[in-house]
Amino acid sequence: MKLSKLQTIYFIGIGGIGMSALARYFNENNKKVSGYDKTETVLTKKLVKEGIEIHYDENIKKIPKDVDLIIYTPAIPNDHLELQFLMKKGKPLMKRAEVLGMISREKKTIAVAGTHGKTTTSTLLAYLLRKGGVHCTAFMGGIANNFKSNYIGGKSDWVVVEADEYDRSFLHLNPDIAILTSLDADHLDIYGSHEKMLKTGFAKFLKGVKKGGSIYFKFGLEKNFTKITSKNSGFECETYGVNRGTGKARKIRVEDGYFVFDYTNAHHKINDIRFTLPGRHNIENATAAIGVALQLGVKPAAIKKALGSFKGIQRRFEMVYRNEKVVYVDDYAHHPTELKAAIGAAKELFTNKKITGIFQPHLYSRTKDFVKGFAKELNQLDEIILMDIYPARELPIKGVTSDIIFEKIKKKTKYRASKKDLMAVLKEKVQTNELEVILTLGAGDINTFVKPIKQLLRKNYGTT
């Protein structure tokens, strides 16, 4: 099947961040695009404005009769009415990852893999390349504030993609360059164990890099793949990190509310980089993006300028509200390591401030697997408001609720809150001037509270 020959494409689950980027790609390439999603969101409304037809009920009568390809996400249940209908009709169906693999094989591909850090690194890289003269295409896992989209179409041969380990989706990719940001245990409902995740997931993905291609490892991760990093493997391997690696950030400091650092590798040195994203984990992500950008010929001066003008990504330590009294940050963190990074960045950036974290656990299985880790990282907050689990694609697991995390949190200033009473809890805290730094954390629908919380703060503290 040649994607260029297709005329009508239908998406089941079109509102997802990855699916919507693909929909935008085909729509930009003058294909007839339409789809289904369960709920209307800000993102689906934007897709409709861009000319894509979307409906929100399982209705086979709304599926185009002349459809050439159906693209669906693994998050769609097997008993979905439209999916079942199309399967029985024998229509061509492909998962999002398969289609992304086909697109990437037509171009030179940079794939960013890891259990976290993918979206920030891939978006940063796409921005550095575009600002540095490499007109790449990019499929991003978040809405980049500089592009106001999760997709940008390019004129060069290069494409930047996120390599998603869930459901082993990244095994469809054969990139020219790969970045590996992290290897923490995750998606154990798919892999069974951390060891199997490495062997049947990430090792196979890295072996799929084209011979002669480059692999950038966060320093220390390369030790897990000795066969791939050996001299006769056929891969060019680099490492990156903070004060470690062949390309590294050094002399990290905070100046006027921004992180500043120097970058060095074997051939380049860039001094006094002022970076807009907080946290050492984001500086690590930046060193990976810098290394690849330099490899593709972007000038050091262009890289330095771009890092200073990068506006970040929605829900990645996004500064929603800030004045002299209160700061509100929203973050996608849904794994203990991501919580550690987000909370650590807040503590480093807002020293001597009381930090209140509102966390919504994502998935019953992840809560069960990492209950101790969640409790440990939430204990770093000054005040914790813990919400109910967001189930996403999962059915409940007996005995697994947010209470199993709550019981292990040692802080006395901890509260349980449902979606119904969260705003009431926050209103009371605003009225008693208890809030200084607020973090909303999680990958579920906690993002629906961002606007109401911002409005509450603006009402009581004024516009910023």
Protein backbone atom coordinates (compact mmCIF):
# COMPACT_ATOMS: atom_id res chain seq x y z
CA MET A 1 0.00 0.00 0.00
CA LYS A 2 1.30 3.44 -0.99
CA LEU A 3 0.11 6.24 1.23
CA SER A 4 0.37 8.72 -1.64
CA LYS A 5 -2.33 6.77 -3.55
CA LEU A 6 -4.89 7.00 -0.75
CA GLN A 7 -7.74 9.51 -1.04
CA THR A 8 -10.10 8.93 1.91
CA ILE A 9 -8.82 8.11 5.40
CA TYR A 10 -10.92 7.43 8.49
CA PHE A 11 -9.64 7.58 12.10
CA ILE A 12 -11.12 5.73 15.09
CA GLY A 13 -9.89 7.69 18.11
CA ILE A 14 -8.94 10.79 16.11
CA GLY A 15 -8.70 13.05 19.18
CA GLY A 16 -5.64 11.38 20.70
CA ILE A 17 -2.42 13.39 20.61
CA GLY A 18 -0.67 10.93 18.28
CA MET A 19 -3.69 10.22 16.10
CA SER A 20 -4.52 13.89 15.63
CA ALA A 21 -0.97 14.57 14.41
CA LEU A 22 -1.41 11.89 11.74
CA ALA A 23 -4.81 13.31 10.80
CA ARG A 24 -3.21 16.73 10.37
CA TYR A 25 -0.49 15.21 8.17
CA PHE A 26 -2.99 13.62 5.78
CA ASN A 27 -5.24 16.67 5.81
CA GLU A 28 -2.27 18.88 4.90
CA ASN A 29 -1.53 16.50 2.03
CA ASN A 30 -5.00 17.05 0.57
CA LYS A 31 -6.57 13.75 1.66
CA LYS A 32 -10.21 13.51 2.74
CA VAL A 33 -9.92 12.98 6.50
CA SER A 34 -12.68 12.24 9.02
CA GLY A 35 -13.05 10.28 12.22
CA TYR A 36 -14.67 9.26 15.49
CA ASP A 37 -13.76 10.11 19.06
CA LYS A 38 -15.50 9.49 22.34
CA THR A 39 -15.60 13.10 23.53
CA GLU A 40 -15.28 16.58 22.09
CA THR A 41 -12.15 18.41 23.27
CA VAL A 42 -10.23 21.59 22.51
CA LEU A 43 -8.05 19.52 20.17
CA THR A 44 -10.95 17.96 18.24
CA LYS A 45 -12.54 21.40 17.86
CA LYS A 46 -9.31 22.63 16.26
CA LEU A 47 -9.27 19.66 13.89
CA VAL A 48 -12.83 20.50 12.82
CA LYS A 49 -11.77 24.11 12.17
CA GLU A 50 -8.98 22.72 9.98
CA GLY A 51 -11.58 20.96 7.80
CA ILE A 52 -11.75 17.49 9.36
CA GLU A 53 -15.20 15.99 10.03
CA ILE A 54 -15.56 14.38 13.48
CA HIS A 55 -18.48 12.71 15.26
CA TYR A 56 -18.74 11.51 18.87
CA ASP A 57 -21.17 8.58 18.74
CA GLU A 58 -20.47 5.03 17.55
CA ASN A 59 -22.40 5.31 14.31
CA ILE A 60 -21.56 3.20 11.26
CA LYS A 61 -23.73 5.44 9.06
CA LYS A 62 -21.21 8.26 9.54
CA ILE A 63 -18.28 6.24 8.17
CA PRO A 64 -17.40 7.29 4.58
CA LYS A 65 -18.45 4.61 2.08
CA ASP A 66 -15.43 5.14 -0.14
CA VAL A 67 -12.82 4.91 2.66
CA ASP A 68 -9.36 3.67 1.52
CA LEU A 69 -7.78 3.20 4.95
CA ILE A 70 -8.92 3.06 8.56
CA ILE A 71 -6.39 4.06 11.21
CA TYR A 72 -7.12 3.14 14.82
CA THR A 73 -5.43 3.39 18.19
CA PRO A 74 -4.82 0.47 20.62
CA ALA A 75 -6.80 2.46 23.20
CA ILE A 76 -10.00 1.63 21.26
CA PRO A 77 -11.68 -1.50 22.77
CA ASN A 78 -12.10 -4.53 20.50
CA ASP A 79 -15.88 -4.46 20.86
CA HIS A 80 -16.14 -0.91 19.50
CA LEU A 81 -19.14 -0.86 17.14
CA GLU A 82 -17.42 0.91 14.26
CA LEU A 83 -14.22 -1.14 14.56
CA GLN A 84 -16.20 -4.40 14.52
CA PHE A 85 -18.22 -3.26 11.51
CA LEU A 86 -15.13 -2.32 9.49
CA MET A 87 -13.33 -5.55 10.38
CA LYS A 88 -16.29 -7.59 9.13
CA LYS A 89 -16.38 -5.53 5.94
CA GLY A 90 -12.75 -6.42 5.29
CA LYS A 91 -11.69 -2.81 5.03
CA PRO A 92 -7.94 -2.08 5.33
CA LEU A 93 -7.17 -1.32 8.97
CA MET A 94 -3.83 -0.19 10.39
CA LYS A 95 -2.66 0.92 13.80
CA ARG A 96 -1.30 4.43 14.12
CA ALA A 97 2.22 3.06 14.69
CA GLU A 98 2.16 1.10 11.43
CA VAL A 99 1.21 4.18 9.44
CA LEU A 100 3.83 6.29 11.18
CA GLY A 101 6.37 3.60 10.31
CA MET A 102 5.41 3.78 6.64
CA ILE A 103 5.76 7.58 6.64
CA SER A 104 9.10 7.44 8.41
CA ARG A 105 10.54 4.92 5.96
CA GLU A 106 9.88 7.31 3.11
CA LYS A 107 12.11 9.91 4.78
CA LYS A 108 15.24 10.20 6.93
CA THR A 109 13.97 9.64 10.44
CA ILE A 110 14.99 10.71 13.92
CA ALA A 111 13.11 8.66 16.53
CA VAL A 112 13.05 9.65 20.20
CA ALA A 113 12.46 6.71 22.56
CA GLY A 114 12.25 6.34 26.33
CA THR A 115 9.70 5.81 29.09
CA HIS A 116 9.68 9.58 29.64
CA GLY A 117 11.30 12.62 28.08
CA LYS A 118 10.16 11.78 24.53
CA THR A 119 7.84 14.71 23.96
CA THR A 120 10.14 17.39 25.35
CA THR A 121 13.18 16.04 23.50
CA SER A 122 11.44 15.54 20.15
CA THR A 123 9.75 18.95 20.29
CA LEU A 124 12.99 20.69 21.28
CA LEU A 125 14.81 18.93 18.46
CA ALA A 126 12.18 19.85 15.89
CA TYR A 127 12.39 23.48 17.02
CA LEU A 128 16.22 23.56 16.89
CA LEU A 129 16.20 22.04 13.41
CA ARG A 130 13.57 24.41 12.04
CA LYS A 131 15.27 27.48 13.54
CA GLY A 132 18.62 26.19 12.26
CA GLY A 133 17.56 25.79 8.65
CA VAL A 134 16.62 22.08 8.55
CA HIS A 135 12.97 22.20 7.42
CA CYS A 136 11.91 18.93 9.09
CA THR A 137 8.50 17.33 9.48
CA ALA A 138 7.61 16.45 13.09
CA PHE A 139 4.99 14.32 14.82
CA MET A 140 5.01 15.39 18.47
CA GLY A 141 3.32 13.96 21.55
CA GLY A 142 2.24 17.35 22.85
CA ILE A 143 1.13 20.77 21.67
CA ALA A 144 4.29 22.81 21.08
CA ASN A 145 3.65 26.42 22.05
CA ASN A 146 6.01 27.73 19.36
CA PHE A 147 4.13 25.83 16.63
CA LYS A 148 0.69 25.82 18.35
CA SER A 149 0.34 22.23 17.14
CA ASN A 150 1.50 18.65 17.65
CA TYR A 151 2.42 18.42 13.96
CA ILE A 152 4.51 20.48 11.56
CA GLY A 153 4.94 19.69 7.88
CA GLY A 154 8.38 20.15 6.38
CA LYS A 155 10.12 20.38 3.03
CA SER A 156 13.34 18.48 3.84
CA ASP A 157 13.91 14.71 3.92
CA TRP A 158 14.06 14.69 7.73
CA VAL A 159 11.19 13.70 10.01
CA VAL A 160 11.17 13.72 13.83
CA VAL A 161 8.92 11.17 15.56
CA GLU A 162 8.28 9.85 19.03
CA ALA A 163 9.01 6.15 19.37
CA ASP A 164 6.25 4.87 21.67
CA GLU A 165 7.06 1.74 23.68
CA TYR A 166 3.43 1.07 24.60
CA ASP A 167 2.10 -2.00 22.77
CA ARG A 168 5.61 -2.28 21.21
CA SER A 169 4.54 0.36 18.69
CA PHE A 170 8.10 1.60 18.12
CA LEU A 171 9.12 -1.69 16.50
CA HIS A 172 7.47 -0.43 13.30
CA LEU A 173 10.17 2.25 12.98
CA ASN A 174 13.54 1.98 11.22
CA PRO A 175 15.16 5.33 11.99
CA ASP A 176 18.45 6.81 10.80
CA ILE A 177 19.02 8.39 14.22
CA ALA A 178 17.63 7.27 17.58
CA ILE A 179 17.66 8.99 20.97
CA LEU A 180 17.13 6.98 24.16
CA THR A 181 16.09 9.19 27.07
CA SER A 182 15.14 6.75 29.86
CA LEU A 183 14.52 3.12 30.72
CA ASP A 184 12.47 3.14 33.91
CA ALA A 185 10.02 0.28 34.32
CA ASP A 186 6.62 1.11 32.81
CA HIS A 187 3.80 -0.56 30.87
CA LEU A 188 4.35 -3.78 32.80
CA ASP A 189 0.79 -4.74 31.82
CA ILE A 190 2.24 -5.14 28.30
CA TYR A 191 5.76 -6.45 28.97
CA GLY A 192 5.35 -8.38 32.22
CA SER A 193 8.67 -7.26 33.71
CA HIS A 194 11.34 -4.57 33.40
CA GLU A 195 13.79 -7.11 31.97
CA LYS A 196 11.35 -8.13 29.23
CA MET A 197 10.68 -4.46 28.48
CA LEU A 198 14.40 -4.02 27.76
CA LYS A 199 14.87 -7.22 25.77
CA THR A 200 11.64 -7.49 23.78
CA GLY A 201 11.09 -3.75 23.48
CA PHE A 202 13.98 -1.33 23.55
CA ALA A 203 16.73 -3.70 22.37
CA LYS A 204 14.65 -4.67 19.31
CA PHE A 205 13.88 -1.03 18.61
CA LEU A 206 17.56 -0.06 18.69
CA LYS A 207 18.49 -2.97 16.45
CA GLY A 208 16.02 -1.53 13.95
CA VAL A 209 18.14 1.60 13.52
CA LYS A 210 19.60 1.60 10.02
CA LYS A 211 23.17 0.32 9.77
CA GLY A 212 25.58 3.19 9.92
CA GLY A 213 22.98 5.19 11.82
CA SER A 214 23.49 7.05 15.10
CA ILE A 215 22.18 6.27 18.57
CA TYR A 216 22.28 8.86 21.35
CA PHE A 217 22.07 7.33 24.83
CA LYS A 218 21.45 9.25 28.02
CA PHE A 219 24.69 8.55 29.88
CA GLY A 220 24.55 5.19 31.65
CA LEU A 221 21.77 3.66 29.56
CA GLU A 222 24.24 2.36 26.97
CA LYS A 223 25.43 -0.25 29.51
CA ASN A 224 22.17 -2.15 28.94
CA PHE A 225 22.97 -2.75 25.25
CA THR A 226 26.57 -3.91 24.98
CA LYS A 227 26.04 -5.75 21.68
CA ILE A 228 24.57 -2.63 20.11
CA THR A 229 27.33 -0.35 21.43
CA SER A 230 30.23 -2.64 20.45
CA LYS A 231 32.66 -1.34 17.83
CA ASN A 232 31.58 -3.86 15.18
CA SER A 233 27.82 -3.30 15.63
CA GLY A 234 27.51 -0.95 12.69
CA PHE A 235 26.07 1.89 14.80
CA GLU A 236 27.59 5.24 15.75
CA CYS A 237 26.92 5.59 19.47
CA GLU A 238 27.05 8.81 21.51
CA THR A 239 26.15 9.60 25.12
CA TYR A 240 24.76 12.78 26.66
CA GLY A 241 23.89 14.17 30.05
CA VAL A 242 24.62 16.66 32.81
CA ASN A 243 28.39 16.73 33.46
CA ARG A 244 28.62 13.29 31.82
CA GLY A 245 28.71 11.93 28.28
CA THR A 246 30.37 12.71 24.97
CA GLY A 247 28.02 15.71 24.73
CA LYS A 248 27.32 17.30 28.09
CA ALA A 249 25.89 20.28 29.90
CA ARG A 250 28.21 21.93 32.43
CA LYS A 251 28.23 24.85 34.87
CA ILE A 252 24.47 24.77 35.44
CA ARG A 253 23.15 27.78 37.32
CA VAL A 254 19.95 29.79 37.82
CA GLU A 255 20.05 33.44 36.68
CA ASP A 256 17.03 35.76 36.76
CA GLY A 257 14.63 32.82 36.97
CA TYR A 258 16.18 30.89 34.07
CA PHE A 259 18.51 27.90 33.96
CA VAL A 260 21.83 28.70 32.26
CA PHE A 261 24.47 26.17 31.19
CA ASP A 262 27.43 25.52 28.89
CA TYR A 263 27.48 22.69 26.32
CA THR A 264 30.54 20.82 25.08
CA ASN A 265 31.25 17.84 22.84
CA ALA A 266 34.31 16.69 20.90
CA HIS A 267 33.92 19.40 18.24
CA HIS A 268 31.83 22.24 19.69
CA LYS A 269 31.48 24.45 22.74
CA ILE A 270 28.46 26.69 23.37
CA ASN A 271 28.69 28.94 26.43
CA ASP A 272 26.02 30.70 28.50
CA ILE A 273 22.94 29.02 27.05
CA ARG A 274 19.83 30.53 28.65
CA PHE A 275 17.18 27.83 28.65
CA THR A 276 13.48 28.49 29.14
CA LEU A 277 12.53 25.07 30.59
CA PRO A 278 13.26 24.43 34.30
CA GLY A 279 14.87 21.34 35.78
CA ARG A 280 18.03 19.35 35.21
CA HIS A 281 16.02 16.62 33.47
CA ASN A 282 15.09 19.15 30.80
CA ILE A 283 18.72 20.19 30.43
CA GLU A 284 19.51 16.51 29.78
CA ASN A 285 16.81 16.47 27.11
CA ALA A 286 18.31 19.62 25.62
CA THR A 287 21.80 18.08 25.38
CA ALA A 288 20.36 15.21 23.31
CA ALA A 289 18.61 17.64 20.97
CA ILE A 290 21.74 19.80 20.70
CA GLY A 291 23.90 16.79 19.76
CA VAL A 292 21.60 15.70 16.94
CA ALA A 293 21.12 19.26 15.68
CA LEU A 294 24.89 19.73 15.49
CA GLN A 295 25.20 16.42 13.61
CA LEU A 296 22.71 17.69 11.02
CA GLY A 297 24.68 20.89 10.52
CA VAL A 298 22.82 23.43 12.65
CA LYS A 299 25.17 26.22 13.73
CA PRO A 300 25.96 26.63 17.46
CA ALA A 301 24.79 30.27 17.41
CA ALA A 302 21.39 29.21 16.01
CA ILE A 303 21.06 26.52 18.70
CA LYS A 304 21.82 28.99 21.49
CA LYS A 305 19.30 31.50 20.17
CA ALA A 306 16.60 28.84 19.70
CA LEU A 307 16.93 27.44 23.22
CA GLY A 308 16.38 30.94 24.57
CA SER A 309 13.17 31.40 22.57
CA PHE A 310 11.65 27.95 23.09
CA LYS A 311 8.19 28.42 24.62
CA GLY A 312 7.72 24.89 25.88
CA ILE A 313 4.95 22.35 25.49
CA GLN A 314 1.46 22.28 26.89
CA ARG A 315 1.37 20.17 30.07
CA ARG A 316 5.18 19.86 30.32
CA PHE A 317 5.93 22.09 33.33
CA GLU A 318 3.71 24.65 31.69
CA MET A 319 3.62 27.95 33.57
CA VAL A 320 -0.14 28.62 33.57
CA TYR A 321 -0.27 31.52 36.04
CA ARG A 322 2.38 33.52 37.82
CA ASN A 323 2.54 36.68 39.91
CA GLU A 324 4.39 37.81 43.03
CA LYS A 325 2.03 35.84 45.30
CA VAL A 326 1.10 32.60 43.52
CA VAL A 327 2.56 30.37 40.80
CA TYR A 328 0.57 27.66 39.00
CA VAL A 329 2.31 24.97 36.92
CA ASP A 330 0.64 22.11 35.02
CA ASP A 331 2.58 18.94 34.19
CA TYR A 332 1.84 15.60 32.49
CA ALA A 333 3.88 13.60 35.04
CA HIS A 334 2.29 10.18 35.59
CA HIS A 335 5.27 7.98 36.55
CA PRO A 336 7.30 8.24 39.79
CA THR A 337 10.41 9.36 37.90
CA GLU A 338 8.41 12.09 36.16
CA LEU A 339 6.94 13.22 39.48
CA LYS A 340 10.45 13.41 40.92
CA ALA A 341 11.57 15.58 38.00
CA ALA A 342 8.58 17.96 38.09
CA ILE A 343 8.56 18.38 41.86
CA GLY A 344 12.36 18.72 41.94
CA ALA A 345 12.25 21.43 39.27
CA ALA A 346 9.61 23.34 41.24
CA LYS A 347 11.64 23.13 44.46
CA GLU A 348 14.79 24.31 42.70
CA LEU A 349 13.05 27.15 40.88
CA PHE A 350 10.83 28.30 43.76
CA THR A 351 13.05 27.93 46.82
CA ASN A 352 11.48 28.61 50.22
CA LYS A 353 7.97 28.48 48.74
CA LYS A 354 5.22 26.13 49.90
CA ILE A 355 4.48 23.66 47.10
CA THR A 356 1.00 22.13 46.85
CA GLY A 357 0.68 19.20 44.45
CA ILE A 358 -2.58 17.87 43.02
CA PHE A 359 -1.99 14.39 41.59
CA GLN A 360 -4.36 12.19 39.58
CA PRO A 361 -2.96 8.62 39.20
CA HIS A 362 -3.22 7.21 35.66
CA LEU A 363 -4.24 3.53 35.18
CA TYR A 364 -5.01 0.92 37.82
CA SER A 365 -2.10 -1.25 36.67
CA ARG A 366 0.46 1.57 36.94
CA THR A 367 -0.86 2.50 40.40
CA LYS A 368 -0.51 -1.12 41.52
CA ASP A 369 3.00 -1.47 40.07
CA PHE A 370 4.42 1.80 41.45
CA VAL A 371 2.46 2.55 44.61
CA LYS A 372 5.64 2.88 46.73
CA GLY A 373 7.32 5.07 44.14
CA PHE A 374 4.34 7.40 43.90
CA ALA A 375 4.14 7.79 47.67
CA LYS A 376 7.89 8.44 47.93
CA GLU A 377 7.89 11.23 45.35
CA LEU A 378 4.65 12.84 46.58
CA ASN A 379 6.25 13.06 50.03
CA GLN A 380 8.61 15.67 48.55
CA LEU A 381 5.66 18.08 48.34
CA ASP A 382 4.71 20.35 51.22
CA GLU A 383 1.03 19.57 50.69
CA ILE A 384 -0.64 16.78 48.71
CA ILE A 385 -4.12 16.61 47.23
CA LEU A 386 -4.67 13.12 45.81
CA MET A 387 -7.44 12.45 43.31
CA ASP A 388 -9.10 9.21 42.18
CA ILE A 389 -7.44 7.01 39.56
CA TYR A 390 -8.09 7.89 35.92
CA PRO A 391 -8.79 4.46 34.32
CA ALA A 392 -8.27 5.31 30.63
CA ARG A 393 -8.39 1.97 28.77
CA GLU A 394 -8.50 -0.24 31.89
CA LEU A 395 -11.15 -1.96 33.97
CA PRO A 396 -10.84 -1.69 37.78
CA ILE A 397 -8.45 -4.00 39.66
CA LYS A 398 -9.76 -5.29 42.97
CA GLY A 399 -8.21 -3.46 45.91
CA VAL A 400 -6.47 -0.84 43.74
CA THR A 401 -7.61 2.73 44.40
CA SER A 402 -5.81 5.98 45.18
CA ASP A 403 -6.14 5.03 48.84
CA ILE A 404 -3.23 2.58 48.57
CA ILE A 405 -0.97 5.53 47.68
CA PHE A 406 -2.60 7.81 50.26
CA GLU A 407 -1.93 5.35 53.08
CA LYS A 408 1.80 5.31 52.29
CA ILE A 409 2.22 9.10 52.14
CA LYS A 410 3.91 10.20 55.36
CA LYS A 411 3.11 13.90 55.15
CA LYS A 412 0.40 15.06 57.55
CA THR A 413 -0.83 17.72 55.13
CA LYS A 414 -2.49 15.34 52.71
CA TYR A 415 -6.05 15.30 51.37
CA ARG A 416 -8.22 13.10 49.17
CA ALA A 417 -10.35 14.88 46.62
CA SER A 418 -12.75 13.77 43.92
CA LYS A 419 -13.28 15.68 40.68
CA LYS A 420 -16.54 16.99 42.15
CA ASP A 421 -14.99 18.64 45.20
CA LEU A 422 -11.49 19.65 44.00
CA MET A 423 -12.42 23.23 43.12
CA ALA A 424 -14.17 23.70 46.47
CA VAL A 425 -11.00 22.58 48.26
CA LEU A 426 -8.91 25.03 46.26
CA LYS A 427 -11.35 27.92 46.75
CA GLU A 428 -11.09 27.46 50.50
CA LYS A 429 -7.29 27.51 50.32
CA VAL A 430 -7.32 30.66 48.19
CA GLN A 431 -9.61 32.42 50.67
CA THR A 432 -7.23 31.60 53.54
CA ASN A 433 -4.12 32.50 51.49
CA GLU A 434 -2.66 29.01 51.86
CA LEU A 435 -1.40 28.63 48.27
CA GLU A 436 2.04 29.71 47.02
CA VAL A 437 3.07 27.22 44.29
CA ILE A 438 0.46 24.87 42.78
CA LEU A 439 1.27 21.84 40.63
CA THR A 440 -1.37 19.80 38.79
CA LEU A 441 0.15 16.43 37.91
CA GLY A 442 -1.14 13.51 35.83
CA ALA A 443 -1.95 12.16 32.37
CA GLY A 444 -5.71 11.67 32.73
CA ASP A 445 -8.39 14.35 32.57
CA ILE A 446 -6.84 16.51 35.29
CA ASN A 447 -6.06 18.92 32.44
CA THR A 448 -9.76 19.86 32.39
CA PHE A 449 -9.12 21.71 35.67
CA VAL A 450 -6.37 23.92 34.26
CA LYS A 451 -8.73 26.60 32.98
CA PRO A 452 -10.97 26.69 36.12
CA ILE A 453 -7.92 26.88 38.42
CA LYS A 454 -6.42 29.68 36.33
CA GLN A 455 -9.74 31.56 36.43
CA LEU A 456 -9.93 31.10 40.22
CA LEU A 457 -6.44 32.55 40.65
CA ARG A 458 -7.07 35.46 38.28
CA LYS A 459 -10.30 36.30 40.11
CA ASN A 460 -8.53 36.44 43.48
CA TYR A 461 -5.03 37.63 42.57
CA GLY A 462 -5.55 39.53 39.30
CA THR A 463 -4.26 38.99 35.78
CA THR A 464 -0.56 38.36 35.18
